[in-house]
Amino acid sequence: MIDFSRYDRRRYPTVSARDGYEMWAPTYEATVLDLMDLHLARRLRSIEWTHMARCLDLACGTGRAGAWLKAQGVGVIDGVDLTPAMLERARSRGVYDRLWEGDVTAIDLPEAEASYDLVTQFLADEHLADLAPLYREAARLTHGKGRFVLVGYHPWFLMAGIPTHFDASPGHSVAIQSHVHLFSDHVASAGATGWRLTEMVEGLVDDAWVQAKPKWEAYRDRPVSFAMAWEKR
């Protein structure tokens, strides 16, 4: 893990993940584009979504990912998130079997151990100071042939000085505390907890991105997000 502050160019006021997403919840859906995460998940070929009978969505947020997973044919989907306001919006979608508030690196549900075919996390890993507990928890919660799909904000974009941020009010941007994790950090943490990488895709800033965010022309052809598919060894 590398401290993001050494790359920070914008110097926005920074808040914790819990506080930040609580503030962002009302406008999150209008801010985050499918190009960032769902588009990449759609490109994964090693995951047979319709074969996933039980899924746990870590840091489920407003339920965007859960709704997408349900549309791909995933069966029962549970979700956990740190933020009550996000969970309220996820609950309103009606796609989750169970939802609860909690830390994604320490799920306090003994009956959940080794009970999932698939664990997912979309756009949250940069808020964790250490990746090891995330991969360890995903391994504990999946059964012997389980899969873990992680879609994240690309470390290059963080190192370019752009934190995860939102407008708390017009003209007032707020950053959410972030950490830079190199891909080697993911491989080391995952390997130490019994995962093997089966596939990885990366998303670049392209015409679709620039059309949605014209100021991002300056970042054209730079990597903005990634998706990793892991299976137990």
C-alpha atoms as a PDB file:
ATOM      1  CA  MET A   1       0.000   0.000   0.000  1.00  0.00           C
ATOM      2  CA  ILE A   2       1.258   3.465  -0.942  1.00  0.00           C
ATOM      3  CA  ASP A   3      -0.010   6.621   0.721  1.00  0.00           C
ATOM      4  CA  PHE A   4      -2.081   8.510  -1.849  1.00  0.00           C
ATOM      5  CA  SER A   5      -1.138  11.895  -0.377  1.00  0.00           C
ATOM      6  CA  ARG A   6       2.195  11.888  -2.208  1.00  0.00           C
ATOM      7  CA  TYR A   7       0.293  11.915  -5.528  1.00  0.00           C
ATOM      8  CA  ASP A   8      -2.582  14.203  -4.548  1.00  0.00           C
ATOM      9  CA  ARG A   9      -2.761  17.167  -6.918  1.00  0.00           C
ATOM     10  CA  ARG A  10      -6.241  18.450  -6.179  1.00  0.00           C
ATOM     11  CA  ARG A  11      -6.042  18.733  -2.393  1.00  0.00           C
ATOM     12  CA  TYR A  12      -9.753  18.306  -1.828  1.00  0.00           C
ATOM     13  CA  PRO A  13     -10.980  18.037   1.755  1.00  0.00           C
ATOM     14  CA  THR A  14     -10.818  14.329   2.595  1.00  0.00           C
ATOM     15  CA  VAL A  15     -13.250  12.255   4.637  1.00  0.00           C
ATOM     16  CA  SER A  16     -13.483   8.612   5.686  1.00  0.00           C
ATOM     17  CA  ALA A  17     -15.174   6.030   3.469  1.00  0.00           C
ATOM     18  CA  ARG A  18     -18.141   5.749   5.806  1.00  0.00           C
ATOM     19  CA  ASP A  19     -18.695   9.497   6.027  1.00  0.00           C
ATOM     20  CA  GLY A  20     -17.982  10.073   2.356  1.00  0.00           C
ATOM     21  CA  TYR A  21     -20.399   7.514   0.996  1.00  0.00           C
ATOM     22  CA  GLU A  22     -23.056   8.603   3.465  1.00  0.00           C
ATOM     23  CA  MET A  23     -22.781  12.093   1.954  1.00  0.00           C
ATOM     24  CA  TRP A  24     -22.506  10.836  -1.628  1.00  0.00           C
ATOM     25  CA  ALA A  25     -25.413   8.374  -1.492  1.00  0.00           C
ATOM     26  CA  PRO A  26     -28.129  10.752  -2.831  1.00  0.00           C
ATOM     27  CA  THR A  27     -26.151  11.548  -6.013  1.00  0.00           C
ATOM     28  CA  TYR A  28     -24.013   8.427  -6.406  1.00  0.00           C
ATOM     29  CA  GLU A  29     -26.173   6.844  -9.112  1.00  0.00           C
ATOM     30  CA  ALA A  30     -25.977   9.985 -11.248  1.00  0.00           C
ATOM     31  CA  THR A  31     -22.195  10.209 -10.861  1.00  0.00           C
ATOM     32  CA  VAL A  32     -20.658   6.768 -11.360  1.00  0.00           C
ATOM     33  CA  LEU A  33     -20.767   5.490 -14.936  1.00  0.00           C
ATOM     34  CA  ASP A  34     -21.207   1.850 -15.935  1.00  0.00           C
ATOM     35  CA  LEU A  35     -18.045   2.350 -18.017  1.00  0.00           C
ATOM     36  CA  MET A  36     -16.082   2.365 -14.779  1.00  0.00           C
ATOM     37  CA  ASP A  37     -17.090  -1.068 -13.502  1.00  0.00           C
ATOM     38  CA  LEU A  38     -20.047  -2.934 -15.034  1.00  0.00           C
ATOM     39  CA  HIS A  39     -18.626  -2.583 -18.535  1.00  0.00           C
ATOM     40  CA  LEU A  40     -15.461  -4.345 -17.374  1.00  0.00           C
ATOM     41  CA  ALA A  41     -17.310  -7.090 -15.510  1.00  0.00           C
ATOM     42  CA  ARG A  42     -19.193  -7.781 -18.736  1.00  0.00           C
ATOM     43  CA  ARG A  43     -15.858  -8.412 -20.485  1.00  0.00           C
ATOM     44  CA  LEU A  44     -14.849 -11.233 -18.124  1.00  0.00           C
ATOM     45  CA  ARG A  45     -15.067 -14.596 -19.851  1.00  0.00           C
ATOM     46  CA  SER A  46     -13.898 -16.928 -17.087  1.00  0.00           C
ATOM     47  CA  ILE A  47     -16.966 -16.354 -14.902  1.00  0.00           C
ATOM     48  CA  GLU A  48     -20.150 -18.226 -15.786  1.00  0.00           C
ATOM     49  CA  TRP A  49     -22.592 -15.954 -14.016  1.00  0.00           C
ATOM     50  CA  THR A  50     -25.615 -18.225 -14.471  1.00  0.00           C
ATOM     51  CA  HIS A  51     -23.774 -20.992 -12.582  1.00  0.00           C
ATOM     52  CA  MET A  52     -23.410 -18.807  -9.488  1.00  0.00           C
ATOM     53  CA  ALA A  53     -26.236 -19.882  -7.178  1.00  0.00           C
ATOM     54  CA  ARG A  54     -25.172 -17.773  -4.187  1.00  0.00           C
ATOM     55  CA  CYS A  55     -23.245 -14.517  -4.271  1.00  0.00           C
ATOM     56  CA  LEU A  56     -22.046 -12.074  -1.625  1.00  0.00           C
ATOM     57  CA  ASP A  57     -21.573  -8.491  -2.815  1.00  0.00           C
ATOM     58  CA  LEU A  58     -19.003  -6.789  -0.589  1.00  0.00           C
ATOM     59  CA  ALA A  59     -19.338  -2.992  -0.322  1.00  0.00           C
ATOM     60  CA  CYS A  60     -22.603  -3.294  -2.221  1.00  0.00           C
ATOM     61  CA  GLY A  61     -23.306   0.435  -2.098  1.00  0.00           C
ATOM     62  CA  THR A  62     -26.551   1.450  -3.771  1.00  0.00           C
ATOM     63  CA  GLY A  63     -26.917  -1.999  -5.329  1.00  0.00           C
ATOM     64  CA  ARG A  64     -25.817  -1.115  -8.861  1.00  0.00           C
ATOM     65  CA  ALA A  65     -23.635  -4.202  -9.028  1.00  0.00           C
ATOM     66  CA  GLY A  66     -26.270  -6.393  -7.406  1.00  0.00           C
ATOM     67  CA  ALA A  67     -28.845  -5.389 -10.010  1.00  0.00           C
ATOM     68  CA  TRP A  68     -26.344  -6.138 -12.777  1.00  0.00           C
ATOM     69  CA  LEU A  69     -25.438  -9.512 -11.262  1.00  0.00           C
ATOM     70  CA  LYS A  70     -29.122 -10.455 -11.014  1.00  0.00           C
ATOM     71  CA  ALA A  71     -29.571  -9.526 -14.683  1.00  0.00           C
ATOM     72  CA  GLN A  72     -26.704 -11.873 -15.596  1.00  0.00           C
ATOM     73  CA  GLY A  73     -28.514 -14.794 -13.983  1.00  0.00           C
ATOM     74  CA  VAL A  74     -26.824 -14.948 -10.574  1.00  0.00           C
ATOM     75  CA  GLY A  75     -29.147 -16.616  -8.062  1.00  0.00           C
ATOM     76  CA  VAL A  76     -29.377 -15.500  -4.437  1.00  0.00           C
ATOM     77  CA  ILE A  77     -27.425 -12.305  -3.748  1.00  0.00           C
ATOM     78  CA  ASP A  78     -26.537 -10.989  -0.297  1.00  0.00           C
ATOM     79  CA  GLY A  79     -24.885  -7.638   0.320  1.00  0.00           C
ATOM     80  CA  VAL A  80     -22.891  -5.890   2.982  1.00  0.00           C
ATOM     81  CA  ASP A  81     -21.845  -2.252   3.209  1.00  0.00           C
ATOM     82  CA  LEU A  82     -20.441   0.127   5.791  1.00  0.00           C
ATOM     83  CA  THR A  83     -22.898   2.922   5.024  1.00  0.00           C
ATOM     84  CA  PRO A  84     -26.561   2.984   6.096  1.00  0.00           C
ATOM     85  CA  ALA A  85     -27.587   5.482   3.389  1.00  0.00           C
ATOM     86  CA  MET A  86     -26.140   3.262   0.674  1.00  0.00           C
ATOM     87  CA  LEU A  87     -27.817   0.178   2.126  1.00  0.00           C
ATOM     88  CA  GLU A  88     -31.167   1.958   2.122  1.00  0.00           C
ATOM     89  CA  ARG A  89     -30.883   2.470  -1.628  1.00  0.00           C
ATOM     90  CA  ALA A  90     -29.696  -1.078  -2.209  1.00  0.00           C
ATOM     91  CA  ARG A  91     -32.683  -2.411  -0.279  1.00  0.00           C
ATOM     92  CA  SER A  92     -35.089  -0.436  -2.466  1.00  0.00           C
ATOM     93  CA  ARG A  93     -33.897  -2.327  -5.562  1.00  0.00           C
ATOM     94  CA  GLY A  94     -35.321  -5.613  -4.325  1.00  0.00           C
ATOM     95  CA  VAL A  95     -32.502  -7.749  -5.752  1.00  0.00           C
ATOM     96  CA  TYR A  96     -30.792  -8.743  -2.485  1.00  0.00           C
ATOM     97  CA  ASP A  97     -31.927 -11.648  -0.334  1.00  0.00           C
ATOM     98  CA  ARG A  98     -30.155 -10.224   2.737  1.00  0.00           C
ATOM     99  CA  LEU A  99     -28.432  -6.928   3.453  1.00  0.00           C
ATOM    100  CA  TRP A 100     -26.504  -5.906   6.512  1.00  0.00           C
ATOM    101  CA  GLU A 101     -24.225  -3.142   7.705  1.00  0.00           C
ATOM    102  CA  GLY A 102     -20.667  -4.177   8.385  1.00  0.00           C
ATOM    103  CA  ASP A 103     -16.967  -4.197   7.623  1.00  0.00           C
ATOM    104  CA  VAL A 104     -16.234  -6.078   4.389  1.00  0.00           C
ATOM    105  CA  THR A 105     -12.984  -7.407   5.837  1.00  0.00           C
ATOM    106  CA  ALA A 106     -14.682  -9.004   8.869  1.00  0.00           C
ATOM    107  CA  ILE A 107     -18.133 -10.442   8.187  1.00  0.00           C
ATOM    108  CA  ASP A 108     -19.648 -11.349  11.548  1.00  0.00           C
ATOM    109  CA  LEU A 109     -21.924 -14.144  10.300  1.00  0.00           C
ATOM    110  CA  PRO A 110     -20.591 -17.610  11.219  1.00  0.00           C
ATOM    111  CA  GLU A 111     -23.202 -19.330   9.058  1.00  0.00           C
ATOM    112  CA  ALA A 112     -21.831 -17.539   5.972  1.00  0.00           C
ATOM    113  CA  GLU A 113     -18.490 -19.360   6.064  1.00  0.00           C
ATOM    114  CA  ALA A 114     -17.798 -21.400   2.904  1.00  0.00           C
ATOM    115  CA  SER A 115     -21.365 -20.834   1.711  1.00  0.00           C
ATOM    116  CA  TYR A 116     -20.959 -18.717  -1.428  1.00  0.00           C
ATOM    117  CA  ASP A 117     -20.143 -19.637  -5.018  1.00  0.00           C
ATOM    118  CA  LEU A 118     -19.113 -16.080  -5.769  1.00  0.00           C
ATOM    119  CA  VAL A 119     -17.923 -13.034  -3.844  1.00  0.00           C
ATOM    120  CA  THR A 120     -17.722  -9.669  -5.583  1.00  0.00           C
ATOM    121  CA  GLN A 121     -16.437  -6.225  -4.803  1.00  0.00           C
ATOM    122  CA  PHE A 122     -16.943  -3.239  -7.080  1.00  0.00           C
ATOM    123  CA  LEU A 123     -15.075   0.065  -6.672  1.00  0.00           C
ATOM    124  CA  ALA A 124     -14.056  -0.158  -3.046  1.00  0.00           C
ATOM    125  CA  ASP A 125     -10.596  -1.679  -2.665  1.00  0.00           C
ATOM    126  CA  GLU A 126      -8.810   1.705  -2.811  1.00  0.00           C
ATOM    127  CA  HIS A 127     -10.429   2.616   0.496  1.00  0.00           C
ATOM    128  CA  LEU A 128      -8.751  -0.289   2.314  1.00  0.00           C
ATOM    129  CA  ALA A 129      -5.369   0.346   3.889  1.00  0.00           C
ATOM    130  CA  ASP A 130      -4.489  -3.350   3.544  1.00  0.00           C
ATOM    131  CA  LEU A 131      -5.750  -5.786   0.902  1.00  0.00           C
ATOM    132  CA  ALA A 132      -4.887  -8.965   2.796  1.00  0.00           C
ATOM    133  CA  PRO A 133      -8.002  -8.986   5.041  1.00  0.00           C
ATOM    134  CA  LEU A 134     -10.256  -8.554   1.993  1.00  0.00           C
ATOM    135  CA  TYR A 135      -8.818 -11.516   0.129  1.00  0.00           C
ATOM    136  CA  ARG A 136      -8.722 -13.584   3.317  1.00  0.00           C
ATOM    137  CA  GLU A 137     -12.386 -12.881   4.015  1.00  0.00           C
ATOM    138  CA  ALA A 138     -13.410 -13.662   0.433  1.00  0.00           C
ATOM    139  CA  ALA A 139     -11.602 -17.005   0.730  1.00  0.00           C
ATOM    140  CA  ARG A 140     -13.304 -17.806   4.032  1.00  0.00           C
ATOM    141  CA  LEU A 141     -16.763 -17.062   2.681  1.00  0.00           C
ATOM    142  CA  THR A 142     -16.514 -19.037  -0.567  1.00  0.00           C
ATOM    143  CA  HIS A 143     -16.622 -22.810  -0.828  1.00  0.00           C
ATOM    144  CA  GLY A 144     -13.870 -24.967  -2.288  1.00  0.00           C
ATOM    145  CA  LYS A 145     -14.534 -24.006  -5.902  1.00  0.00           C
ATOM    146  CA  GLY A 146     -15.500 -20.424  -5.190  1.00  0.00           C
ATOM    147  CA  ARG A 147     -14.719 -17.371  -7.281  1.00  0.00           C
ATOM    148  CA  PHE A 148     -13.902 -13.795  -6.380  1.00  0.00           C
ATOM    149  CA  VAL A 149     -14.431 -10.911  -8.807  1.00  0.00           C
ATOM    150  CA  LEU A 150     -12.887  -7.571  -7.890  1.00  0.00           C
ATOM    151  CA  VAL A 151     -13.452  -4.470 -10.000  1.00  0.00           C
ATOM    152  CA  GLY A 152     -11.425  -1.469  -8.944  1.00  0.00           C
ATOM    153  CA  TYR A 153     -10.312   2.076  -9.618  1.00  0.00           C
ATOM    154  CA  HIS A 154      -7.007   1.793 -11.475  1.00  0.00           C
ATOM    155  CA  PRO A 155      -3.901   2.602  -9.418  1.00  0.00           C
ATOM    156  CA  TRP A 156      -2.551   4.608 -12.361  1.00  0.00           C
ATOM    157  CA  PHE A 157      -5.432   7.055 -12.088  1.00  0.00           C
ATOM    158  CA  LEU A 158      -4.798   7.479  -8.381  1.00  0.00           C
ATOM    159  CA  MET A 159      -1.100   7.982  -9.062  1.00  0.00           C
ATOM    160  CA  ALA A 160      -2.081  10.622 -11.638  1.00  0.00           C
ATOM    161  CA  GLY A 161      -3.429  12.557  -8.667  1.00  0.00           C
ATOM    162  CA  ILE A 162      -7.173  11.945  -8.992  1.00  0.00           C
ATOM    163  CA  PRO A 163      -8.798  10.541  -5.846  1.00  0.00           C
ATOM    164  CA  THR A 164     -12.252   9.057  -5.564  1.00  0.00           C
ATOM    165  CA  HIS A 165     -14.306  12.207  -5.067  1.00  0.00           C
ATOM    166  CA  PHE A 166     -17.748  13.753  -5.403  1.00  0.00           C
ATOM    167  CA  ASP A 167     -19.429  17.159  -5.209  1.00  0.00           C
ATOM    168  CA  ALA A 168     -20.864  17.678  -1.742  1.00  0.00           C
ATOM    169  CA  SER A 169     -22.414  20.875  -3.118  1.00  0.00           C
ATOM    170  CA  PRO A 170     -21.964  22.821  -6.358  1.00  0.00           C
ATOM    171  CA  GLY A 171     -18.319  23.755  -6.677  1.00  0.00           C
ATOM    172  CA  HIS A 172     -17.340  21.937  -3.479  1.00  0.00           C
ATOM    173  CA  SER A 173     -15.563  18.639  -4.142  1.00  0.00           C
ATOM    174  CA  VAL A 174     -14.763  16.169  -1.378  1.00  0.00           C
ATOM    175  CA  ALA A 175     -12.330  13.255  -1.625  1.00  0.00           C
ATOM    176  CA  ILE A 176     -12.776   9.900   0.082  1.00  0.00           C
ATOM    177  CA  GLN A 177      -9.703   8.528   1.798  1.00  0.00           C
ATOM    178  CA  SER A 178      -7.858   6.342  -0.699  1.00  0.00           C
ATOM    179  CA  HIS A 179      -4.809   4.109  -0.880  1.00  0.00           C
ATOM    180  CA  VAL A 180      -2.758   3.085  -3.888  1.00  0.00           C
ATOM    181  CA  HIS A 181      -2.489  -0.680  -4.333  1.00  0.00           C
ATOM    182  CA  LEU A 182      -0.232  -1.933  -7.096  1.00  0.00           C
ATOM    183  CA  PHE A 183      -1.298  -5.036  -8.984  1.00  0.00           C
ATOM    184  CA  SER A 184       1.617  -6.824  -7.342  1.00  0.00           C
ATOM    185  CA  ASP A 185      -0.039  -6.029  -3.990  1.00  0.00           C
ATOM    186  CA  HIS A 186      -3.211  -7.757  -5.186  1.00  0.00           C
ATOM    187  CA  VAL A 187      -1.295 -10.807  -6.404  1.00  0.00           C
ATOM    188  CA  ALA A 188       0.679 -11.090  -3.170  1.00  0.00           C
ATOM    189  CA  SER A 189      -2.381 -10.735  -0.921  1.00  0.00           C
ATOM    190  CA  ALA A 190      -4.521 -13.045  -3.012  1.00  0.00           C
ATOM    191  CA  GLY A 191      -1.825 -15.697  -3.385  1.00  0.00           C
ATOM    192  CA  ALA A 192      -1.201 -15.751   0.343  1.00  0.00           C
ATOM    193  CA  THR A 193      -4.873 -16.517   0.976  1.00  0.00           C
ATOM    194  CA  GLY A 194      -5.310 -19.278  -1.596  1.00  0.00           C
ATOM    195  CA  TRP A 195      -6.456 -17.443  -4.731  1.00  0.00           C
ATOM    196  CA  ARG A 196      -5.240 -17.879  -8.305  1.00  0.00           C
ATOM    197  CA  LEU A 197      -5.746 -15.182 -10.925  1.00  0.00           C
ATOM    198  CA  THR A 198      -7.673 -16.506 -13.915  1.00  0.00           C
ATOM    199  CA  GLU A 199      -8.358 -13.304 -15.819  1.00  0.00           C
ATOM    200  CA  MET A 200      -7.790  -9.568 -15.770  1.00  0.00           C
ATOM    201  CA  VAL A 201      -9.105  -6.767 -17.975  1.00  0.00           C
ATOM    202  CA  GLU A 202      -8.432  -3.042 -17.910  1.00  0.00           C
ATOM    203  CA  GLY A 203     -10.515  -0.104 -19.086  1.00  0.00           C
ATOM    204  CA  LEU A 204      -8.991   2.894 -20.854  1.00  0.00           C
ATOM    205  CA  VAL A 205     -10.374   6.380 -21.234  1.00  0.00           C
ATOM    206  CA  ASP A 206     -11.872   6.201 -24.731  1.00  0.00           C
ATOM    207  CA  ASP A 207     -14.403   8.020 -26.893  1.00  0.00           C
ATOM    208  CA  ALA A 208     -17.303   6.967 -24.676  1.00  0.00           C
ATOM    209  CA  TRP A 209     -15.555   8.337 -21.601  1.00  0.00           C
ATOM    210  CA  VAL A 210     -14.651  11.621 -23.264  1.00  0.00           C
ATOM    211  CA  GLN A 211     -18.200  12.053 -24.523  1.00  0.00           C
ATOM    212  CA  ALA A 212     -19.468  11.643 -20.955  1.00  0.00           C
ATOM    213  CA  LYS A 213     -16.658  13.650 -19.362  1.00  0.00           C
ATOM    214  CA  PRO A 214     -15.138  16.043 -21.944  1.00  0.00           C
ATOM    215  CA  LYS A 215     -12.436  17.223 -19.532  1.00  0.00           C
ATOM    216  CA  TRP A 216     -11.072  13.686 -19.522  1.00  0.00           C
ATOM    217  CA  GLU A 217      -9.666  14.215 -23.003  1.00  0.00           C
ATOM    218  CA  ALA A 218      -6.425  14.897 -21.151  1.00  0.00           C
ATOM    219  CA  TYR A 219      -6.472  11.278 -19.923  1.00  0.00           C
ATOM    220  CA  ARG A 220      -7.411   9.603 -23.206  1.00  0.00           C
ATOM    221  CA  ASP A 221      -5.931   6.099 -23.585  1.00  0.00           C
ATOM    222  CA  ARG A 222      -4.929   6.028 -19.914  1.00  0.00           C
ATOM    223  CA  PRO A 223      -6.181   3.167 -17.689  1.00  0.00           C
ATOM    224  CA  VAL A 224      -9.034   4.154 -15.393  1.00  0.00           C
ATOM    225  CA  SER A 225     -10.317   0.857 -13.950  1.00  0.00           C
ATOM    226  CA  PHE A 226      -9.654  -2.878 -13.884  1.00  0.00           C
ATOM    227  CA  ALA A 227     -11.361  -6.184 -13.191  1.00  0.00           C
ATOM    228  CA  MET A 228      -9.759  -9.322 -11.757  1.00  0.00           C
ATOM    229  CA  ALA A 229     -11.298 -12.794 -11.607  1.00  0.00           C
ATOM    230  CA  TRP A 230      -9.859 -15.191  -9.024  1.00  0.00           C
ATOM    231  CA  GLU A 231     -10.489 -18.854  -8.274  1.00  0.00           C
ATOM    232  CA  LYS A 232      -9.457 -20.973  -5.325  1.00  0.00           C
ATOM    233  CA  ARG A 233      -6.379 -23.125  -5.807  1.00  0.00           C
END
